[in-house]
Amino acid sequence: MLRLLLLATGLFVSAIGVVLLIRPDSYIALYVLSYDPGMTFAARRLAPAIIGLGGVLLLARTLPKGRFLSGLCLICGCAFLGVAATGVHAWLTDLAKPAILVAAGIEGTIAAAFLTAAAQMRTD
């Protein structure tokens, strides 16, 4: 199950990174209430790092269970939880459209899966 989580999340994150690189305006406009074309610069600057994270997750599928993979799952779980929390906060403060809540739900689910995987590896 962990290998599937790493594969699916790696592909998901890589796809988002590619969209942010090629068409950041379409991604940003999906979530923000007040779109500013200047936002595309920040999105394009962040895109390679997001694509890189996707690559790390895809490569991590081949790693044996252990401290490194457990730590990676913990880091990913906390990162996705943080992203979900910022989305909810943006919605609560009238900066984001309700669509951000769907994204936050997906991100929260991914976070829970990674945190569960990390906890299971610590007990194995």
C-alpha atoms as a PDB file:
ATOM      1  CA  MET A   1       0.000   0.000   0.000  1.00  0.00           C
ATOM      2  CA  LEU A   2       2.896   2.360   0.771  1.00  0.00           C
ATOM      3  CA  ARG A   3       4.322   1.880  -2.739  1.00  0.00           C
ATOM      4  CA  LEU A   4       0.946   2.834  -4.237  1.00  0.00           C
ATOM      5  CA  LEU A   5       0.748   5.926  -1.993  1.00  0.00           C
ATOM      6  CA  LEU A   6       4.210   7.027  -3.114  1.00  0.00           C
ATOM      7  CA  LEU A   7       3.399   6.383  -6.777  1.00  0.00           C
ATOM      8  CA  ALA A   8       0.026   8.151  -6.744  1.00  0.00           C
ATOM      9  CA  THR A   9       1.260  11.128  -4.733  1.00  0.00           C
ATOM     10  CA  GLY A  10       4.437  11.429  -6.794  1.00  0.00           C
ATOM     11  CA  LEU A  11       2.435  11.536 -10.020  1.00  0.00           C
ATOM     12  CA  PHE A  12      -0.143  13.921  -8.506  1.00  0.00           C
ATOM     13  CA  VAL A  13       2.493  16.341  -7.218  1.00  0.00           C
ATOM     14  CA  SER A  14       4.479  16.189 -10.473  1.00  0.00           C
ATOM     15  CA  ALA A  15       1.347  16.950 -12.496  1.00  0.00           C
ATOM     16  CA  ILE A  16       0.561  19.977 -10.333  1.00  0.00           C
ATOM     17  CA  GLY A  17       4.143  21.171 -10.756  1.00  0.00           C
ATOM     18  CA  VAL A  18       3.901  20.872 -14.540  1.00  0.00           C
ATOM     19  CA  VAL A  19       0.620  22.823 -14.556  1.00  0.00           C
ATOM     20  CA  LEU A  20       2.202  25.532 -12.393  1.00  0.00           C
ATOM     21  CA  LEU A  21       5.117  25.724 -14.801  1.00  0.00           C
ATOM     22  CA  ILE A  22       3.095  25.802 -18.020  1.00  0.00           C
ATOM     23  CA  ARG A  23      -0.270  27.374 -17.058  1.00  0.00           C
ATOM     24  CA  PRO A  24      -0.018  28.837 -13.561  1.00  0.00           C
ATOM     25  CA  ASP A  25      -2.870  31.236 -14.274  1.00  0.00           C
ATOM     26  CA  SER A  26      -5.341  28.372 -14.704  1.00  0.00           C
ATOM     27  CA  TYR A  27      -4.341  26.784 -11.394  1.00  0.00           C
ATOM     28  CA  ILE A  28      -4.266  30.021  -9.419  1.00  0.00           C
ATOM     29  CA  ALA A  29      -7.588  31.275 -10.812  1.00  0.00           C
ATOM     30  CA  LEU A  30      -9.207  28.034  -9.659  1.00  0.00           C
ATOM     31  CA  TYR A  31      -8.599  28.919  -6.007  1.00  0.00           C
ATOM     32  CA  VAL A  32      -8.056  32.643  -5.421  1.00  0.00           C
ATOM     33  CA  LEU A  33     -10.813  35.241  -5.263  1.00  0.00           C
ATOM     34  CA  SER A  34      -8.703  38.087  -6.594  1.00  0.00           C
ATOM     35  CA  TYR A  35      -6.377  36.880  -9.332  1.00  0.00           C
ATOM     36  CA  ASP A  36      -3.350  39.027 -10.098  1.00  0.00           C
ATOM     37  CA  PRO A  37      -1.237  38.138 -13.150  1.00  0.00           C
ATOM     38  CA  GLY A  38       1.885  38.808 -11.054  1.00  0.00           C
ATOM     39  CA  MET A  39       1.102  35.624  -9.106  1.00  0.00           C
ATOM     40  CA  THR A  40       2.274  33.543 -12.048  1.00  0.00           C
ATOM     41  CA  PHE A  41       5.904  34.482 -11.375  1.00  0.00           C
ATOM     42  CA  ALA A  42       5.852  32.933  -7.895  1.00  0.00           C
ATOM     43  CA  ALA A  43       4.031  29.848  -9.164  1.00  0.00           C
ATOM     44  CA  ARG A  44       6.557  29.288 -11.949  1.00  0.00           C
ATOM     45  CA  ARG A  45       9.457  29.738  -9.507  1.00  0.00           C
ATOM     46  CA  LEU A  46       7.962  27.126  -7.170  1.00  0.00           C
ATOM     47  CA  ALA A  47       7.069  24.637  -9.932  1.00  0.00           C
ATOM     48  CA  PRO A  48      10.514  22.967 -10.285  1.00  0.00           C
ATOM     49  CA  ALA A  49      10.644  22.281  -6.544  1.00  0.00           C
ATOM     50  CA  ILE A  50       7.204  20.688  -6.670  1.00  0.00           C
ATOM     51  CA  ILE A  51       8.185  18.577  -9.668  1.00  0.00           C
ATOM     52  CA  GLY A  52      11.345  17.600  -7.777  1.00  0.00           C
ATOM     53  CA  LEU A  53       9.295  16.470  -4.781  1.00  0.00           C
ATOM     54  CA  GLY A  54       7.216  14.338  -7.127  1.00  0.00           C
ATOM     55  CA  GLY A  55      10.409  12.763  -8.439  1.00  0.00           C
ATOM     56  CA  VAL A  56      11.670  12.039  -4.926  1.00  0.00           C
ATOM     57  CA  LEU A  57       8.391  10.328  -4.046  1.00  0.00           C
ATOM     58  CA  LEU A  58       8.514   8.244  -7.226  1.00  0.00           C
ATOM     59  CA  LEU A  59      12.090   7.165  -6.513  1.00  0.00           C
ATOM     60  CA  ALA A  60      11.284   6.426  -2.862  1.00  0.00           C
ATOM     61  CA  ARG A  61       8.976   3.591  -3.985  1.00  0.00           C
ATOM     62  CA  THR A  62      12.040   1.400  -4.417  1.00  0.00           C
ATOM     63  CA  LEU A  63      13.458   2.021  -0.942  1.00  0.00           C
ATOM     64  CA  PRO A  64      13.215  -0.609   1.773  1.00  0.00           C
ATOM     65  CA  LYS A  65      11.134   0.228   4.821  1.00  0.00           C
ATOM     66  CA  GLY A  66      13.294   1.841   7.442  1.00  0.00           C
ATOM     67  CA  ARG A  67      14.225   5.076   9.148  1.00  0.00           C
ATOM     68  CA  PHE A  68      14.688   7.105   5.966  1.00  0.00           C
ATOM     69  CA  LEU A  69      11.381   6.089   4.413  1.00  0.00           C
ATOM     70  CA  SER A  70       9.602   6.531   7.737  1.00  0.00           C
ATOM     71  CA  GLY A  71      11.094  10.009   8.067  1.00  0.00           C
ATOM     72  CA  LEU A  72      10.142  10.881   4.498  1.00  0.00           C
ATOM     73  CA  CYS A  73       6.557   9.807   5.172  1.00  0.00           C
ATOM     74  CA  LEU A  74       6.484  11.903   8.352  1.00  0.00           C
ATOM     75  CA  ILE A  75       7.811  14.954   6.505  1.00  0.00           C
ATOM     76  CA  CYS A  76       5.328  14.493   3.649  1.00  0.00           C
ATOM     77  CA  GLY A  77       2.457  14.018   6.074  1.00  0.00           C
ATOM     78  CA  CYS A  78       3.305  17.207   7.918  1.00  0.00           C
ATOM     79  CA  ALA A  79       3.841  19.130   4.668  1.00  0.00           C
ATOM     80  CA  PHE A  80       0.476  18.072   3.225  1.00  0.00           C
ATOM     81  CA  LEU A  81      -1.199  18.856   6.542  1.00  0.00           C
ATOM     82  CA  GLY A  82       0.353  22.319   6.435  1.00  0.00           C
ATOM     83  CA  VAL A  83      -0.789  22.901   2.864  1.00  0.00           C
ATOM     84  CA  ALA A  84      -4.319  21.805   3.785  1.00  0.00           C
ATOM     85  CA  ALA A  85      -4.318  24.116   6.810  1.00  0.00           C
ATOM     86  CA  THR A  86      -3.204  27.120   4.760  1.00  0.00           C
ATOM     87  CA  GLY A  87      -6.001  26.421   2.273  1.00  0.00           C
ATOM     88  CA  VAL A  88      -8.632  26.319   4.997  1.00  0.00           C
ATOM     89  CA  HIS A  89      -7.179  29.478   6.547  1.00  0.00           C
ATOM     90  CA  ALA A  90      -7.287  31.241   3.174  1.00  0.00           C
ATOM     91  CA  TRP A  91     -10.947  30.305   2.791  1.00  0.00           C
ATOM     92  CA  LEU A  92     -11.809  31.409   6.344  1.00  0.00           C
ATOM     93  CA  THR A  93     -10.165  34.785   5.729  1.00  0.00           C
ATOM     94  CA  ASP A  94     -11.957  35.314   2.396  1.00  0.00           C
ATOM     95  CA  LEU A  95      -8.855  34.937   0.232  1.00  0.00           C
ATOM     96  CA  ALA A  96      -9.842  31.711  -1.517  1.00  0.00           C
ATOM     97  CA  LYS A  97     -12.841  30.240  -3.294  1.00  0.00           C
ATOM     98  CA  PRO A  98     -14.719  27.278  -1.796  1.00  0.00           C
ATOM     99  CA  ALA A  99     -12.837  25.033  -4.267  1.00  0.00           C
ATOM    100  CA  ILE A 100      -9.863  25.316  -1.907  1.00  0.00           C
ATOM    101  CA  LEU A 101     -11.805  23.243   0.619  1.00  0.00           C
ATOM    102  CA  VAL A 102     -11.924  20.336  -1.846  1.00  0.00           C
ATOM    103  CA  ALA A 103      -8.175  20.648  -2.334  1.00  0.00           C
ATOM    104  CA  ALA A 104      -7.669  20.830   1.442  1.00  0.00           C
ATOM    105  CA  GLY A 105      -9.727  17.668   1.864  1.00  0.00           C
ATOM    106  CA  ILE A 106      -7.557  15.824  -0.653  1.00  0.00           C
ATOM    107  CA  GLU A 107      -4.393  17.186   0.962  1.00  0.00           C
ATOM    108  CA  GLY A 108      -5.638  16.208   4.422  1.00  0.00           C
ATOM    109  CA  THR A 109      -6.362  12.684   3.201  1.00  0.00           C
ATOM    110  CA  ILE A 110      -2.869  12.408   1.719  1.00  0.00           C
ATOM    111  CA  ALA A 111      -1.411  13.746   4.977  1.00  0.00           C
ATOM    112  CA  ALA A 112      -3.292  11.146   7.014  1.00  0.00           C
ATOM    113  CA  ALA A 113      -2.083   8.361   4.725  1.00  0.00           C
ATOM    114  CA  PHE A 114       1.552   9.450   5.034  1.00  0.00           C
ATOM    115  CA  LEU A 115       1.343   9.928   8.808  1.00  0.00           C
ATOM    116  CA  THR A 116      -0.264   6.500   9.172  1.00  0.00           C
ATOM    117  CA  ALA A 117       2.482   4.937   7.048  1.00  0.00           C
ATOM    118  CA  ALA A 118       5.164   6.643   9.133  1.00  0.00           C
ATOM    119  CA  ALA A 119       3.576   5.436  12.375  1.00  0.00           C
ATOM    120  CA  GLN A 120       3.266   1.882  11.085  1.00  0.00           C
ATOM    121  CA  MET A 121       6.930   1.763  10.087  1.00  0.00           C
ATOM    122  CA  ARG A 122       7.954   2.938  13.547  1.00  0.00           C
ATOM    123  CA  THR A 123       6.112   0.028  15.128  1.00  0.00           C
ATOM    124  CA  ASP A 124       7.369  -2.614  12.671  1.00  0.00           C
END
